[in-house]
Amino acid sequence: QVQLVESGGGLVQAGGSLRLSCVATGIIFSINTVGWYRQAPGKQRELVATMTGGGGTTYADSVTGRFTISRDNAKRTVYLQMNSLKPEDTAIYYCKLDFFGNGYWGQGTQVTVSS
């Protein structure tokens, strides 16, 4: 059974930092694209950052220069380092793993940035 479990969310003041983690079990991890997405209240889920099995990365324009995605294949974990947080970064953050056309999602972790 595939499971993705996020952690690391919380409440932080604007300008602060958080690091999200997502551990994957039950599926091959190292060769697959992993990513972080977020959904704010009343808005659609949007891409934040992705990383391929080869290490290539993409970022949303809104987070470029502030957020960094990374992965530790030995720990089957993907991270999202978030710096210089803004109130508009407030959302539920989800990790996703793509496996041969199938997408697997975690349950999400709440990030709240106060002004």
C-alpha atoms as a PDB file:
ATOM      1  CA  GLN A   1       0.000   0.000   0.000  1.00  0.00           C
ATOM      2  CA  VAL A   2       1.376   3.373  -1.040  1.00  0.00           C
ATOM      3  CA  GLN A   3       1.574   5.984   1.701  1.00  0.00           C
ATOM      4  CA  LEU A   4       2.907   9.524   1.676  1.00  0.00           C
ATOM      5  CA  VAL A   5       3.058  11.229   5.059  1.00  0.00           C
ATOM      6  CA  GLU A   6       3.836  14.926   5.375  1.00  0.00           C
ATOM      7  CA  SER A   7       5.070  16.716   8.474  1.00  0.00           C
ATOM      8  CA  GLY A   8       6.629  20.007   9.490  1.00  0.00           C
ATOM      9  CA  GLY A   9       3.761  22.412   9.012  1.00  0.00           C
ATOM     10  CA  GLY A  10       2.768  24.957  11.609  1.00  0.00           C
ATOM     11  CA  LEU A  11       2.292  28.608  12.448  1.00  0.00           C
ATOM     12  CA  VAL A  12       5.099  31.035  11.677  1.00  0.00           C
ATOM     13  CA  GLN A  13       5.460  34.793  11.451  1.00  0.00           C
ATOM     14  CA  ALA A  14       6.069  36.495   8.130  1.00  0.00           C
ATOM     15  CA  GLY A  15       9.742  36.339   7.238  1.00  0.00           C
ATOM     16  CA  GLY A  16      10.217  33.072   9.069  1.00  0.00           C
ATOM     17  CA  SER A  17      11.120  29.602   7.829  1.00  0.00           C
ATOM     18  CA  LEU A  18       9.708  26.086   7.889  1.00  0.00           C
ATOM     19  CA  ARG A  19      10.893  22.779   6.497  1.00  0.00           C
ATOM     20  CA  LEU A  20       8.323  20.280   5.323  1.00  0.00           C
ATOM     21  CA  SER A  21       9.076  16.572   5.016  1.00  0.00           C
ATOM     22  CA  CYS A  22       7.258  13.799   3.188  1.00  0.00           C
ATOM     23  CA  VAL A  23       8.092  10.132   3.667  1.00  0.00           C
ATOM     24  CA  ALA A  24       6.991   7.619   1.035  1.00  0.00           C
ATOM     25  CA  THR A  25       6.414   3.925   1.678  1.00  0.00           C
ATOM     26  CA  GLY A  26       5.105   1.060  -0.420  1.00  0.00           C
ATOM     27  CA  ILE A  27       6.468   2.317  -3.732  1.00  0.00           C
ATOM     28  CA  ILE A  28       9.706   2.737  -5.632  1.00  0.00           C
ATOM     29  CA  PHE A  29      10.972   6.190  -4.674  1.00  0.00           C
ATOM     30  CA  SER A  30      14.352   7.060  -6.183  1.00  0.00           C
ATOM     31  CA  ILE A  31      13.421   7.124  -9.870  1.00  0.00           C
ATOM     32  CA  ASN A  32      10.146   8.984  -9.600  1.00  0.00           C
ATOM     33  CA  THR A  33       9.222  12.628  -9.801  1.00  0.00           C
ATOM     34  CA  VAL A  34       8.139  14.057  -6.467  1.00  0.00           C
ATOM     35  CA  GLY A  35       6.569  17.390  -5.802  1.00  0.00           C
ATOM     36  CA  TRP A  36       4.912  19.780  -3.420  1.00  0.00           C
ATOM     37  CA  TYR A  37       1.563  21.415  -4.085  1.00  0.00           C
ATOM     38  CA  ARG A  38      -0.579  23.722  -1.993  1.00  0.00           C
ATOM     39  CA  GLN A  39      -4.197  24.717  -1.670  1.00  0.00           C
ATOM     40  CA  ALA A  40      -5.357  27.889   0.012  1.00  0.00           C
ATOM     41  CA  PRO A  41      -8.964  28.356   1.176  1.00  0.00           C
ATOM     42  CA  GLY A  42     -11.249  29.029  -1.772  1.00  0.00           C
ATOM     43  CA  LYS A  43      -8.490  28.426  -4.315  1.00  0.00           C
ATOM     44  CA  GLN A  44      -7.434  25.578  -6.557  1.00  0.00           C
ATOM     45  CA  ARG A  45      -4.521  23.347  -5.715  1.00  0.00           C
ATOM     46  CA  GLU A  46      -1.350  24.687  -7.314  1.00  0.00           C
ATOM     47  CA  LEU A  47       2.138  23.417  -7.997  1.00  0.00           C
ATOM     48  CA  VAL A  48       4.863  24.704  -5.686  1.00  0.00           C
ATOM     49  CA  ALA A  49       7.935  22.685  -6.706  1.00  0.00           C
ATOM     50  CA  THR A  50       8.879  19.372  -8.298  1.00  0.00           C
ATOM     51  CA  MET A  51      12.031  17.274  -8.544  1.00  0.00           C
ATOM     52  CA  THR A  52      12.650  14.453 -10.998  1.00  0.00           C
ATOM     53  CA  GLY A  53      14.504  11.245 -10.206  1.00  0.00           C
ATOM     54  CA  GLY A  54      17.512  12.799 -11.926  1.00  0.00           C
ATOM     55  CA  GLY A  55      17.420  15.884  -9.750  1.00  0.00           C
ATOM     56  CA  GLY A  56      15.861  18.374 -12.133  1.00  0.00           C
ATOM     57  CA  THR A  57      13.682  20.958 -10.420  1.00  0.00           C
ATOM     58  CA  THR A  58      10.843  23.304 -11.259  1.00  0.00           C
ATOM     59  CA  TYR A  59       9.341  26.031  -9.095  1.00  0.00           C
ATOM     60  CA  ALA A  60       6.306  28.236  -9.171  1.00  0.00           C
ATOM     61  CA  ASP A  61       7.255  31.843  -9.890  1.00  0.00           C
ATOM     62  CA  SER A  62       5.780  32.899  -6.566  1.00  0.00           C
ATOM     63  CA  VAL A  63       8.253  30.798  -4.566  1.00  0.00           C
ATOM     64  CA  THR A  64      11.390  30.956  -6.714  1.00  0.00           C
ATOM     65  CA  GLY A  65      14.322  32.127  -4.649  1.00  0.00           C
ATOM     66  CA  ARG A  66      12.541  31.451  -1.357  1.00  0.00           C
ATOM     67  CA  PHE A  67      11.695  27.739  -1.421  1.00  0.00           C
ATOM     68  CA  THR A  68      13.994  24.790  -2.121  1.00  0.00           C
ATOM     69  CA  ILE A  69      12.933  21.228  -2.867  1.00  0.00           C
ATOM     70  CA  SER A  70      15.304  18.365  -2.121  1.00  0.00           C
ATOM     71  CA  ARG A  71      15.187  14.610  -1.662  1.00  0.00           C
ATOM     72  CA  ASP A  72      16.999  11.897   0.248  1.00  0.00           C
ATOM     73  CA  ASN A  73      16.440   8.658  -1.621  1.00  0.00           C
ATOM     74  CA  ALA A  74      17.975   6.558   1.154  1.00  0.00           C
ATOM     75  CA  LYS A  75      15.354   7.932   3.550  1.00  0.00           C
ATOM     76  CA  ARG A  76      12.612   7.907   0.887  1.00  0.00           C
ATOM     77  CA  THR A  77      11.936  11.502   1.844  1.00  0.00           C
ATOM     78  CA  VAL A  78      11.304  14.726  -0.040  1.00  0.00           C
ATOM     79  CA  TYR A  79      11.759  18.085   1.669  1.00  0.00           C
ATOM     80  CA  LEU A  80      10.574  21.621   1.073  1.00  0.00           C
ATOM     81  CA  GLN A  81      12.655  24.322   2.727  1.00  0.00           C
ATOM     82  CA  MET A  82      10.585  27.483   2.906  1.00  0.00           C
ATOM     83  CA  ASN A  83      12.292  30.772   3.736  1.00  0.00           C
ATOM     84  CA  SER A  84      11.082  34.362   3.803  1.00  0.00           C
ATOM     85  CA  LEU A  85       7.531  33.164   4.266  1.00  0.00           C
ATOM     86  CA  LYS A  86       4.675  35.497   3.414  1.00  0.00           C
ATOM     87  CA  PRO A  87       1.030  35.486   4.547  1.00  0.00           C
ATOM     88  CA  GLU A  88       0.042  34.487   1.011  1.00  0.00           C
ATOM     89  CA  ASP A  89       1.970  31.242   1.478  1.00  0.00           C
ATOM     90  CA  THR A  90      -0.706  30.140   3.947  1.00  0.00           C
ATOM     91  CA  ALA A  91      -2.215  26.895   2.646  1.00  0.00           C
ATOM     92  CA  ILE A  92      -2.393  23.156   3.092  1.00  0.00           C
ATOM     93  CA  TYR A  93       0.746  21.695   1.545  1.00  0.00           C
ATOM     94  CA  TYR A  94       0.601  18.282  -0.124  1.00  0.00           C
ATOM     95  CA  CYS A  95       3.363  16.071  -1.453  1.00  0.00           C
ATOM     96  CA  LYS A  96       2.853  14.003  -4.569  1.00  0.00           C
ATOM     97  CA  LEU A  97       4.737  11.137  -6.158  1.00  0.00           C
ATOM     98  CA  ASP A  98       4.299  10.284  -9.829  1.00  0.00           C
ATOM     99  CA  PHE A  99       4.702   6.631 -10.783  1.00  0.00           C
ATOM    100  CA  PHE A 100       4.218   5.637 -14.414  1.00  0.00           C
ATOM    101  CA  GLY A 101       1.322   7.998 -14.954  1.00  0.00           C
ATOM    102  CA  ASN A 102      -0.260   7.517 -11.554  1.00  0.00           C
ATOM    103  CA  GLY A 103      -0.174  10.229  -8.926  1.00  0.00           C
ATOM    104  CA  TYR A 104      -0.087   9.469  -5.222  1.00  0.00           C
ATOM    105  CA  TRP A 105      -0.882  12.153  -2.669  1.00  0.00           C
ATOM    106  CA  GLY A 106      -0.232  12.674   1.003  1.00  0.00           C
ATOM    107  CA  GLN A 107      -2.864  13.899   3.424  1.00  0.00           C
ATOM    108  CA  GLY A 108      -1.455  17.415   3.642  1.00  0.00           C
ATOM    109  CA  THR A 109       0.067  19.606   6.321  1.00  0.00           C
ATOM    110  CA  GLN A 110      -1.158  23.065   7.257  1.00  0.00           C
ATOM    111  CA  VAL A 111       1.153  26.052   6.954  1.00  0.00           C
ATOM    112  CA  THR A 112      -0.060  29.339   8.398  1.00  0.00           C
ATOM    113  CA  VAL A 113       1.950  32.541   8.060  1.00  0.00           C
ATOM    114  CA  SER A 114       0.895  35.450  10.243  1.00  0.00           C
ATOM    115  CA  SER A 115       1.538  39.058   9.299  1.00  0.00           C
END
